Amino acid sequence: MTDVVLLDRFFTRVHLHLVATYGDTGRWPVIMGVFGRAGDGKSIQLSAALERCSVEPLRLNAADLESGLAGEPGKHIARTYATASLALAKGVPTALVLDDVDTTVGEWEQNTGTVNHQQVLAELMHLADRPVDPARNFPRRVPVFVTGNNLSRLYPPLRRHGRMDAFAWRPRPQEVREVLYGMFMDVCDAASLDRLAEEFPGEPLSFFAGVRQALTTAELTELLKLVGHDMRAFLRANGASFGGDLGRRRITGTGLIAVAERVRAERDAAQEDFLADNHHGGRPR
């Protein structure tokens, strides 16, 4: 993940949680919750931080916490935690990562009463209270990271102090600039990037990633006529070899702002269409 701009504030919190958990520091909770709005880089920052610390993450996502077999997702969490705990006992730094935890175990109208929902919560509560349990093959405390958009959706006893270290993540303006410098400095100057940040305040980091992708898309579109329609011929010619050079053409600040405005307009139009479709019951208008 050498292309990820890992922000110091985020890295410090992850590093702290790893050291405190591995070092069995007092009553430090094994679960760290990273919560914030969508698109601000929670998962990718976490992955980059773990990679920098040479930690091997064992990941579970929302799909892993669903099953037609009652109680299976809770057991899956326990098995994964046991695998990580046994690896730690052998000197291999590991961590358990649950992405988008609020979408599955959050308190939503349709899933608060299912057996799997209750079992997953029960297992997380058990890990928080008894992270070391030789009878369950838990010889070592394992750092657990959960990410989500809405901390308030989680079961209140799970998110209380002592069971979870909650980290509210939203990049500060200077941190946004730091990411922009890493993302665009090879195609634009610093003054233009400062202007980009000033003219699009409050946008998530994913918006600026979309702007960078738009630069690549523009160059790739110009190549379509040269490539032609025959994808068999394209593959035989090893056409993928030019991919790393795309999106690196220098652009002026005015040009970059124009691209960003177009990306924002396209996003807003898509959102308006979605809202309009919902207003009409999802039927074609």
C-alpha atoms as a PDB file:
ATOM      1  CA  MET A   1       0.000   0.000   0.000  1.00  0.00           C
ATOM      2  CA  THR A   2       2.786   2.374  -0.876  1.00  0.00           C
ATOM      3  CA  ASP A   3       0.335   4.685  -2.688  1.00  0.00           C
ATOM      4  CA  VAL A   4      -1.770   5.310   0.441  1.00  0.00           C
ATOM      5  CA  VAL A   5      -1.106   8.526   2.356  1.00  0.00           C
ATOM      6  CA  LEU A   6      -1.190   7.231   5.919  1.00  0.00           C
ATOM      7  CA  LEU A   7      -2.073  10.122   8.210  1.00  0.00           C
ATOM      8  CA  ASP A   8      -0.131  10.434  11.462  1.00  0.00           C
ATOM      9  CA  ARG A   9      -3.156  10.953  13.700  1.00  0.00           C
ATOM     10  CA  PHE A  10      -4.832   7.798  12.438  1.00  0.00           C
ATOM     11  CA  PHE A  11      -1.636   5.765  12.566  1.00  0.00           C
ATOM     12  CA  THR A  12      -0.894   6.838  16.136  1.00  0.00           C
ATOM     13  CA  ARG A  13      -4.282   5.610  17.369  1.00  0.00           C
ATOM     14  CA  VAL A  14      -3.871   2.236  15.653  1.00  0.00           C
ATOM     15  CA  HIS A  15      -0.266   1.891  16.851  1.00  0.00           C
ATOM     16  CA  LEU A  16      -1.353   2.732  20.402  1.00  0.00           C
ATOM     17  CA  HIS A  17      -4.092   0.106  20.343  1.00  0.00           C
ATOM     18  CA  LEU A  18      -1.703  -2.563  19.068  1.00  0.00           C
ATOM     19  CA  VAL A  19       0.961  -1.873  21.680  1.00  0.00           C
ATOM     20  CA  ALA A  20      -1.532  -1.576  24.544  1.00  0.00           C
ATOM     21  CA  THR A  21      -3.278  -4.820  23.572  1.00  0.00           C
ATOM     22  CA  TYR A  22      -0.185  -6.873  22.820  1.00  0.00           C
ATOM     23  CA  GLY A  23       1.451  -5.539  25.980  1.00  0.00           C
ATOM     24  CA  ASP A  24      -1.627  -6.362  28.090  1.00  0.00           C
ATOM     25  CA  THR A  25      -1.692  -2.819  29.468  1.00  0.00           C
ATOM     26  CA  GLY A  26      -4.020  -2.851  32.457  1.00  0.00           C
ATOM     27  CA  ARG A  27      -7.676  -2.886  31.480  1.00  0.00           C
ATOM     28  CA  TRP A  28      -7.190  -1.607  27.955  1.00  0.00           C
ATOM     29  CA  PRO A  29     -10.120  -2.815  25.786  1.00  0.00           C
ATOM     30  CA  VAL A  30      -9.239  -5.249  23.010  1.00  0.00           C
ATOM     31  CA  ILE A  31     -11.841  -3.696  20.676  1.00  0.00           C
ATOM     32  CA  MET A  32     -11.145  -0.406  18.913  1.00  0.00           C
ATOM     33  CA  GLY A  33     -14.027   1.087  16.966  1.00  0.00           C
ATOM     34  CA  VAL A  34     -13.281   3.470  14.097  1.00  0.00           C
ATOM     35  CA  PHE A  35     -16.425   5.353  13.149  1.00  0.00           C
ATOM     36  CA  GLY A  36     -17.101   8.153  10.697  1.00  0.00           C
ATOM     37  CA  ARG A  37     -18.907   9.081   7.506  1.00  0.00           C
ATOM     38  CA  ALA A  38     -18.514   6.992   4.386  1.00  0.00           C
ATOM     39  CA  GLY A  39     -15.647   7.814   2.059  1.00  0.00           C
ATOM     40  CA  ASP A  40     -13.138   9.219   4.535  1.00  0.00           C
ATOM     41  CA  GLY A  41     -10.743   6.296   4.272  1.00  0.00           C
ATOM     42  CA  LYS A  42     -11.321   4.376   7.503  1.00  0.00           C
ATOM     43  CA  SER A  43     -10.686   0.936   6.038  1.00  0.00           C
ATOM     44  CA  ILE A  44      -7.778   1.858   3.776  1.00  0.00           C
ATOM     45  CA  GLN A  45      -6.069   3.893   6.513  1.00  0.00           C
ATOM     46  CA  LEU A  46      -6.483   0.958   8.896  1.00  0.00           C
ATOM     47  CA  SER A  47      -5.029  -1.486   6.371  1.00  0.00           C
ATOM     48  CA  ALA A  48      -2.059   0.793   5.723  1.00  0.00           C
ATOM     49  CA  ALA A  49      -1.435   1.265   9.459  1.00  0.00           C
ATOM     50  CA  LEU A  50      -1.486  -2.486  10.119  1.00  0.00           C
ATOM     51  CA  GLU A  51       0.840  -3.065   7.179  1.00  0.00           C
ATOM     52  CA  ARG A  52       3.315  -0.485   8.512  1.00  0.00           C
ATOM     53  CA  CYS A  53       3.297  -2.331  11.846  1.00  0.00           C
ATOM     54  CA  SER A  54       3.852  -5.724  10.137  1.00  0.00           C
ATOM     55  CA  VAL A  55       0.525  -6.997  11.466  1.00  0.00           C
ATOM     56  CA  GLU A  56      -1.331  -9.723   9.582  1.00  0.00           C
ATOM     57  CA  PRO A  57      -5.068  -8.869   9.687  1.00  0.00           C
ATOM     58  CA  LEU A  58      -7.754 -11.543   9.690  1.00  0.00           C
ATOM     59  CA  ARG A  59     -10.795  -9.882   8.136  1.00  0.00           C
ATOM     60  CA  LEU A  60     -14.493 -10.431   8.564  1.00  0.00           C
ATOM     61  CA  ASN A  61     -17.070  -8.382   6.678  1.00  0.00           C
ATOM     62  CA  ALA A  62     -20.821  -7.992   6.873  1.00  0.00           C
ATOM     63  CA  ALA A  63     -21.389 -11.024   4.631  1.00  0.00           C
ATOM     64  CA  ASP A  64     -19.336 -13.221   6.981  1.00  0.00           C
ATOM     65  CA  LEU A  65     -21.707 -12.316   9.809  1.00  0.00           C
ATOM     66  CA  GLU A  66     -24.750 -13.740   8.023  1.00  0.00           C
ATOM     67  CA  SER A  67     -25.656 -17.403   7.673  1.00  0.00           C
ATOM     68  CA  GLY A  68     -28.627 -19.647   7.212  1.00  0.00           C
ATOM     69  CA  LEU A  69     -27.368 -21.642  10.190  1.00  0.00           C
ATOM     70  CA  ALA A  70     -28.429 -20.127  13.478  1.00  0.00           C
ATOM     71  CA  GLY A  71     -25.460 -19.108  15.591  1.00  0.00           C
ATOM     72  CA  GLU A  72     -22.831 -19.823  12.928  1.00  0.00           C
ATOM     73  CA  PRO A  73     -21.600 -16.200  12.522  1.00  0.00           C
ATOM     74  CA  GLY A  74     -20.871 -15.953  16.250  1.00  0.00           C
ATOM     75  CA  LYS A  75     -18.909 -19.199  16.114  1.00  0.00           C
ATOM     76  CA  HIS A  76     -17.060 -17.924  13.037  1.00  0.00           C
ATOM     77  CA  ILE A  77     -15.891 -14.882  14.998  1.00  0.00           C
ATOM     78  CA  ALA A  78     -14.690 -17.126  17.836  1.00  0.00           C
ATOM     79  CA  ARG A  79     -12.799 -19.420  15.442  1.00  0.00           C
ATOM     80  CA  THR A  80     -11.149 -16.475  13.718  1.00  0.00           C
ATOM     81  CA  TYR A  81     -10.169 -14.905  17.040  1.00  0.00           C
ATOM     82  CA  ALA A  82      -8.721 -18.257  18.177  1.00  0.00           C
ATOM     83  CA  THR A  83      -6.644 -18.491  14.983  1.00  0.00           C
ATOM     84  CA  ALA A  84      -5.263 -15.001  15.592  1.00  0.00           C
ATOM     85  CA  SER A  85      -4.637 -15.684  19.306  1.00  0.00           C
ATOM     86  CA  LEU A  86      -2.712 -18.893  18.609  1.00  0.00           C
ATOM     87  CA  ALA A  87      -0.635 -17.094  15.958  1.00  0.00           C
ATOM     88  CA  LEU A  88       0.202 -14.375  18.474  1.00  0.00           C
ATOM     89  CA  ALA A  89       1.320 -17.013  20.967  1.00  0.00           C
ATOM     90  CA  LYS A  90       3.840 -18.115  18.308  1.00  0.00           C
ATOM     91  CA  GLY A  91       5.125 -14.558  17.842  1.00  0.00           C
ATOM     92  CA  VAL A  92       3.156 -13.669  14.703  1.00  0.00           C
ATOM     93  CA  PRO A  93       1.480 -10.242  15.105  1.00  0.00           C
ATOM     94  CA  THR A  94      -2.153 -10.536  14.064  1.00  0.00           C
ATOM     95  CA  ALA A  95      -5.374  -8.584  14.469  1.00  0.00           C
ATOM     96  CA  LEU A  96      -9.057  -9.227  13.856  1.00  0.00           C
ATOM     97  CA  VAL A  97     -10.785  -6.686  11.603  1.00  0.00           C
ATOM     98  CA  LEU A  98     -14.574  -6.416  11.224  1.00  0.00           C
ATOM     99  CA  ASP A  99     -15.555  -3.935   8.531  1.00  0.00           C
ATOM    100  CA  ASP A 100     -18.920  -2.153   8.413  1.00  0.00           C
ATOM    101  CA  VAL A 101     -19.942  -3.649  11.735  1.00  0.00           C
ATOM    102  CA  ASP A 102     -22.924  -1.315  12.157  1.00  0.00           C
ATOM    103  CA  THR A 103     -24.588  -2.625   8.988  1.00  0.00           C
ATOM    104  CA  THR A 104     -24.931  -6.122  10.439  1.00  0.00           C
ATOM    105  CA  VAL A 105     -24.892  -5.920  14.214  1.00  0.00           C
ATOM    106  CA  GLY A 106     -26.271  -2.405  14.501  1.00  0.00           C
ATOM    107  CA  GLU A 107     -29.651  -1.769  16.066  1.00  0.00           C
ATOM    108  CA  TRP A 108     -31.758  -1.583  12.894  1.00  0.00           C
ATOM    109  CA  GLU A 109     -35.465  -2.220  12.638  1.00  0.00           C
ATOM    110  CA  GLN A 110     -35.143  -5.450  10.652  1.00  0.00           C
ATOM    111  CA  ASN A 111     -32.284  -7.220  12.434  1.00  0.00           C
ATOM    112  CA  THR A 112     -32.401  -6.532  16.161  1.00  0.00           C
ATOM    113  CA  GLY A 113     -34.188  -9.800  16.963  1.00  0.00           C
ATOM    114  CA  THR A 114     -32.483 -12.408  14.775  1.00  0.00           C
ATOM    115  CA  VAL A 115     -30.593 -15.258  16.384  1.00  0.00           C
ATOM    116  CA  ASN A 116     -27.436 -14.478  14.385  1.00  0.00           C
ATOM    117  CA  HIS A 117     -27.566 -10.819  15.363  1.00  0.00           C
ATOM    118  CA  GLN A 118     -27.843 -11.722  19.030  1.00  0.00           C
ATOM    119  CA  GLN A 119     -25.117 -14.367  18.816  1.00  0.00           C
ATOM    120  CA  VAL A 120     -22.660 -12.026  17.114  1.00  0.00           C
ATOM    121  CA  LEU A 121     -23.247  -9.395  19.785  1.00  0.00           C
ATOM    122  CA  ALA A 122     -22.897 -12.016  22.502  1.00  0.00           C
ATOM    123  CA  GLU A 123     -19.573 -13.215  21.074  1.00  0.00           C
ATOM    124  CA  LEU A 124     -18.177  -9.686  20.768  1.00  0.00           C
ATOM    125  CA  MET A 125     -19.252  -8.963  24.351  1.00  0.00           C
ATOM    126  CA  HIS A 126     -17.558 -12.166  25.482  1.00  0.00           C
ATOM    127  CA  LEU A 127     -14.314 -11.266  23.690  1.00  0.00           C
ATOM    128  CA  ALA A 128     -14.395  -7.800  25.240  1.00  0.00           C
ATOM    129  CA  ASP A 129     -14.839  -9.247  28.741  1.00  0.00           C
ATOM    130  CA  ARG A 130     -12.655 -12.349  28.416  1.00  0.00           C
ATOM    131  CA  PRO A 131     -10.071 -11.792  25.664  1.00  0.00           C
ATOM    132  CA  VAL A 132      -7.833 -14.491  27.168  1.00  0.00           C
ATOM    133  CA  ASP A 133      -9.482 -17.883  27.633  1.00  0.00           C
ATOM    134  CA  PRO A 134      -7.264 -20.988  27.279  1.00  0.00           C
ATOM    135  CA  ALA A 135     -10.324 -23.230  27.300  1.00  0.00           C
ATOM    136  CA  ARG A 136     -11.392 -21.611  24.002  1.00  0.00           C
ATOM    137  CA  ASN A 137      -7.873 -21.510  22.478  1.00  0.00           C
ATOM    138  CA  PHE A 138      -7.469 -17.825  23.335  1.00  0.00           C
ATOM    139  CA  PRO A 139      -3.960 -17.802  24.892  1.00  0.00           C
ATOM    140  CA  ARG A 140      -3.240 -14.154  23.975  1.00  0.00           C
ATOM    141  CA  ARG A 141      -5.177 -10.886  23.731  1.00  0.00           C
ATOM    142  CA  VAL A 142      -5.900 -10.063  20.081  1.00  0.00           C
ATOM    143  CA  PRO A 143      -6.447  -6.465  18.929  1.00  0.00           C
ATOM    144  CA  VAL A 144      -9.913  -6.236  17.380  1.00  0.00           C
ATOM    145  CA  PHE A 145     -10.715  -3.361  15.022  1.00  0.00           C
ATOM    146  CA  VAL A 146     -14.266  -2.620  13.928  1.00  0.00           C
ATOM    147  CA  THR A 147     -15.214   0.044  11.399  1.00  0.00           C
ATOM    148  CA  GLY A 148     -18.568   1.633  10.740  1.00  0.00           C
ATOM    149  CA  ASN A 149     -20.443   4.810   9.921  1.00  0.00           C
ATOM    150  CA  ASN A 150     -22.681   5.135  12.949  1.00  0.00           C
ATOM    151  CA  LEU A 151     -21.452   4.312  16.447  1.00  0.00           C
ATOM    152  CA  SER A 152     -24.862   5.080  17.956  1.00  0.00           C
ATOM    153  CA  ARG A 153     -26.321   2.057  16.133  1.00  0.00           C
ATOM    154  CA  LEU A 154     -24.215  -0.360  18.143  1.00  0.00           C
ATOM    155  CA  TYR A 155     -25.509  -2.159  21.210  1.00  0.00           C
ATOM    156  CA  PRO A 156     -24.806   0.360  24.028  1.00  0.00           C
ATOM    157  CA  PRO A 157     -23.152  -2.109  26.460  1.00  0.00           C
ATOM    158  CA  LEU A 158     -20.688  -3.119  23.717  1.00  0.00           C
ATOM    159  CA  ARG A 159     -19.572   0.426  22.987  1.00  0.00           C
ATOM    160  CA  ARG A 160     -19.213   1.546  26.596  1.00  0.00           C
ATOM    161  CA  HIS A 161     -15.876   2.560  28.077  1.00  0.00           C
ATOM    162  CA  GLY A 162     -13.826  -0.485  29.029  1.00  0.00           C
ATOM    163  CA  ARG A 163     -15.186  -2.685  26.247  1.00  0.00           C
ATOM    164  CA  MET A 164     -14.444  -0.498  23.248  1.00  0.00           C
ATOM    165  CA  ASP A 165     -12.011   2.312  22.509  1.00  0.00           C
ATOM    166  CA  ALA A 166     -14.078   4.471  20.140  1.00  0.00           C
ATOM    167  CA  PHE A 167     -12.263   6.665  17.624  1.00  0.00           C
ATOM    168  CA  ALA A 168     -14.330   9.229  15.708  1.00  0.00           C
ATOM    169  CA  TRP A 169     -12.551   9.707  12.389  1.00  0.00           C
ATOM    170  CA  ARG A 170     -12.941  12.700  10.123  1.00  0.00           C
ATOM    171  CA  PRO A 171      -9.891  14.179   8.392  1.00  0.00           C
ATOM    172  CA  ARG A 172      -9.041  17.740   9.369  1.00  0.00           C
ATOM    173  CA  PRO A 173      -8.461  20.356   6.637  1.00  0.00           C
ATOM    174  CA  GLN A 174      -4.673  20.034   6.857  1.00  0.00           C
ATOM    175  CA  GLU A 175      -4.967  16.249   6.698  1.00  0.00           C
ATOM    176  CA  VAL A 176      -7.098  16.563   3.566  1.00  0.00           C
ATOM    177  CA  ARG A 177      -4.352  18.694   2.030  1.00  0.00           C
ATOM    178  CA  GLU A 178      -1.755  16.097   2.986  1.00  0.00           C
ATOM    179  CA  VAL A 179      -3.746  13.430   1.171  1.00  0.00           C
ATOM    180  CA  LEU A 180      -4.206  15.694  -1.859  1.00  0.00           C
ATOM    181  CA  TYR A 181      -0.467  16.365  -2.065  1.00  0.00           C
ATOM    182  CA  GLY A 182       0.211  12.634  -2.076  1.00  0.00           C
ATOM    183  CA  MET A 183      -2.568  11.964  -4.565  1.00  0.00           C
ATOM    184  CA  PHE A 184      -1.954  14.760  -7.115  1.00  0.00           C
ATOM    185  CA  MET A 185       1.547  16.191  -6.649  1.00  0.00           C
ATOM    186  CA  ASP A 186       2.850  14.296  -9.682  1.00  0.00           C
ATOM    187  CA  VAL A 187       0.313  16.051 -11.943  1.00  0.00           C
ATOM    188  CA  CYS A 188      -0.310  19.445 -10.297  1.00  0.00           C
ATOM    189  CA  ASP A 189       1.431  22.059  -8.134  1.00  0.00           C
ATOM    190  CA  ALA A 190       0.826  22.679  -4.421  1.00  0.00           C
ATOM    191  CA  ALA A 191      -0.947  26.019  -4.908  1.00  0.00           C
ATOM    192  CA  SER A 192      -3.504  24.392  -7.198  1.00  0.00           C
ATOM    193  CA  LEU A 193      -4.087  21.612  -4.673  1.00  0.00           C
ATOM    194  CA  ASP A 194      -4.654  24.156  -1.900  1.00  0.00           C
ATOM    195  CA  ARG A 195      -7.233  25.791  -4.170  1.00  0.00           C
ATOM    196  CA  LEU A 196      -8.867  22.404  -4.798  1.00  0.00           C
ATOM    197  CA  ALA A 197      -9.233  21.841  -1.052  1.00  0.00           C
ATOM    198  CA  GLU A 198     -10.592  25.355  -0.491  1.00  0.00           C
ATOM    199  CA  GLU A 199     -13.183  25.170  -3.269  1.00  0.00           C
ATOM    200  CA  PHE A 200     -14.498  21.748  -2.215  1.00  0.00           C
ATOM    201  CA  PRO A 201     -14.592  21.911   1.594  1.00  0.00           C
ATOM    202  CA  GLY A 202     -16.331  19.129   3.435  1.00  0.00           C
ATOM    203  CA  GLU A 203     -15.966  16.590   0.641  1.00  0.00           C
ATOM    204  CA  PRO A 204     -14.886  13.087   1.728  1.00  0.00           C
ATOM    205  CA  LEU A 205     -11.530  11.754   0.605  1.00  0.00           C
ATOM    206  CA  SER A 206     -13.292   9.396  -1.802  1.00  0.00           C
ATOM    207  CA  PHE A 207     -14.473  12.442  -3.764  1.00  0.00           C
ATOM    208  CA  PHE A 208     -10.887  13.459  -4.492  1.00  0.00           C
ATOM    209  CA  ALA A 209     -10.032   9.867  -5.368  1.00  0.00           C
ATOM    210  CA  GLY A 210     -12.872  10.115  -7.897  1.00  0.00           C
ATOM    211  CA  VAL A 211     -11.276  13.255  -9.350  1.00  0.00           C
ATOM    212  CA  ARG A 212      -7.975  11.427  -9.751  1.00  0.00           C
ATOM    213  CA  GLN A 213      -9.797   8.537 -11.420  1.00  0.00           C
ATOM    214  CA  ALA A 214     -11.444  11.007 -13.798  1.00  0.00           C
ATOM    215  CA  LEU A 215      -7.990  12.087 -15.017  1.00  0.00           C
ATOM    216  CA  THR A 216      -7.181   8.479 -15.830  1.00  0.00           C
ATOM    217  CA  THR A 217     -10.557   8.008 -17.507  1.00  0.00           C
ATOM    218  CA  ALA A 218      -9.993  11.033 -19.757  1.00  0.00           C
ATOM    219  CA  GLU A 219      -6.637   9.713 -20.992  1.00  0.00           C
ATOM    220  CA  LEU A 220      -7.958   6.185 -21.428  1.00  0.00           C
ATOM    221  CA  THR A 221     -10.918   7.482 -23.473  1.00  0.00           C
ATOM    222  CA  GLU A 222      -8.476   9.088 -25.912  1.00  0.00           C
ATOM    223  CA  LEU A 223      -6.832   5.696 -26.457  1.00  0.00           C
ATOM    224  CA  LEU A 224     -10.024   3.831 -27.330  1.00  0.00           C
ATOM    225  CA  LYS A 225      -9.784   4.532 -31.059  1.00  0.00           C
ATOM    226  CA  LEU A 226      -6.207   3.298 -31.124  1.00  0.00           C
ATOM    227  CA  VAL A 227      -7.066   0.154 -29.196  1.00  0.00           C
ATOM    228  CA  GLY A 228     -10.073  -0.809 -31.298  1.00  0.00           C
ATOM    229  CA  HIS A 229     -12.965  -3.113 -30.436  1.00  0.00           C
ATOM    230  CA  ASP A 230     -11.274  -6.508 -30.635  1.00  0.00           C
ATOM    231  CA  MET A 231     -10.376  -7.408 -27.063  1.00  0.00           C
ATOM    232  CA  ARG A 232      -8.717 -10.657 -28.146  1.00  0.00           C
ATOM    233  CA  ALA A 233      -6.260  -8.667 -30.199  1.00  0.00           C
ATOM    234  CA  PHE A 234      -5.866  -6.236 -27.348  1.00  0.00           C
ATOM    235  CA  LEU A 235      -4.924  -8.998 -24.918  1.00  0.00           C
ATOM    236  CA  ARG A 236      -2.548 -10.604 -27.417  1.00  0.00           C
ATOM    237  CA  ALA A 237      -0.786  -7.250 -27.756  1.00  0.00           C
ATOM    238  CA  ASN A 238      -0.362  -7.098 -23.963  1.00  0.00           C
ATOM    239  CA  GLY A 239      -2.389  -3.914 -23.897  1.00  0.00           C
ATOM    240  CA  ALA A 240      -2.483  -3.820 -20.099  1.00  0.00           C
ATOM    241  CA  SER A 241       1.153  -2.745 -20.056  1.00  0.00           C
ATOM    242  CA  PHE A 242       0.308   0.947 -20.529  1.00  0.00           C
ATOM    243  CA  GLY A 243      -1.994   1.115 -17.487  1.00  0.00           C
ATOM    244  CA  GLY A 244       0.629   2.408 -15.072  1.00  0.00           C
ATOM    245  CA  ASP A 245       1.302   5.475 -17.220  1.00  0.00           C
ATOM    246  CA  LEU A 246      -2.281   6.688 -17.380  1.00  0.00           C
ATOM    247  CA  GLY A 247      -3.510   9.668 -15.369  1.00  0.00           C
ATOM    248  CA  ARG A 248      -0.034  11.198 -15.025  1.00  0.00           C
ATOM    249  CA  ARG A 249      -0.361  14.028 -17.544  1.00  0.00           C
ATOM    250  CA  ARG A 250       0.279  17.445 -15.992  1.00  0.00           C
ATOM    251  CA  ILE A 251      -2.820  19.560 -15.478  1.00  0.00           C
ATOM    252  CA  THR A 252      -3.325  23.218 -14.552  1.00  0.00           C
ATOM    253  CA  GLY A 253      -5.141  24.284 -11.417  1.00  0.00           C
ATOM    254  CA  THR A 254      -8.032  25.607 -13.508  1.00  0.00           C
ATOM    255  CA  GLY A 255      -8.241  22.321 -15.373  1.00  0.00           C
ATOM    256  CA  LEU A 256      -8.217  20.327 -12.133  1.00  0.00           C
ATOM    257  CA  ILE A 257     -11.027  22.440 -10.666  1.00  0.00           C
ATOM    258  CA  ALA A 258     -13.061  21.899 -13.841  1.00  0.00           C
ATOM    259  CA  VAL A 259     -12.647  18.131 -13.536  1.00  0.00           C
ATOM    260  CA  ALA A 260     -13.651  18.262  -9.871  1.00  0.00           C
ATOM    261  CA  GLU A 261     -16.755  20.305 -10.695  1.00  0.00           C
ATOM    262  CA  ARG A 262     -17.752  17.748 -13.314  1.00  0.00           C
ATOM    263  CA  VAL A 263     -17.257  14.854 -10.868  1.00  0.00           C
ATOM    264  CA  ARG A 264     -19.380  16.642  -8.264  1.00  0.00           C
ATOM    265  CA  ALA A 265     -22.120  17.438 -10.806  1.00  0.00           C
ATOM    266  CA  GLU A 266     -22.271  13.805 -11.945  1.00  0.00           C
ATOM    267  CA  ARG A 267     -22.454  12.574  -8.362  1.00  0.00           C
ATOM    268  CA  ASP A 268     -25.175  15.055  -7.427  1.00  0.00           C
ATOM    269  CA  ALA A 269     -27.199  14.159 -10.530  1.00  0.00           C
ATOM    270  CA  ALA A 270     -27.001  10.461  -9.639  1.00  0.00           C
ATOM    271  CA  GLN A 271     -28.130  11.194  -6.088  1.00  0.00           C
ATOM    272  CA  GLU A 272     -31.033  13.297  -7.323  1.00  0.00           C
ATOM    273  CA  ASP A 273     -32.144  10.505  -9.649  1.00  0.00           C
ATOM    274  CA  PHE A 274     -31.968   8.016  -6.772  1.00  0.00           C
ATOM    275  CA  LEU A 275     -34.062  10.241  -4.524  1.00  0.00           C
ATOM    276  CA  ALA A 276     -36.549  10.876  -7.308  1.00  0.00           C
ATOM    277  CA  ASP A 277     -36.891   7.133  -7.987  1.00  0.00           C
ATOM    278  CA  ASN A 278     -37.503   6.485  -4.290  1.00  0.00           C
ATOM    279  CA  HIS A 279     -40.091   9.250  -4.215  1.00  0.00           C
ATOM    280  CA  HIS A 280     -41.927   7.493  -7.053  1.00  0.00           C
ATOM    281  CA  GLY A 281     -41.695   4.085  -5.391  1.00  0.00           C
ATOM    282  CA  GLY A 282     -38.737   3.003  -7.522  1.00  0.00           C
ATOM    283  CA  ARG A 283     -40.885   2.832 -10.660  1.00  0.00           C
ATOM    284  CA  PRO A 284     -39.633   4.211 -13.983  1.00  0.00           C
ATOM    285  CA  ARG A 285     -40.741   7.779 -14.511  1.00  0.00           C
END
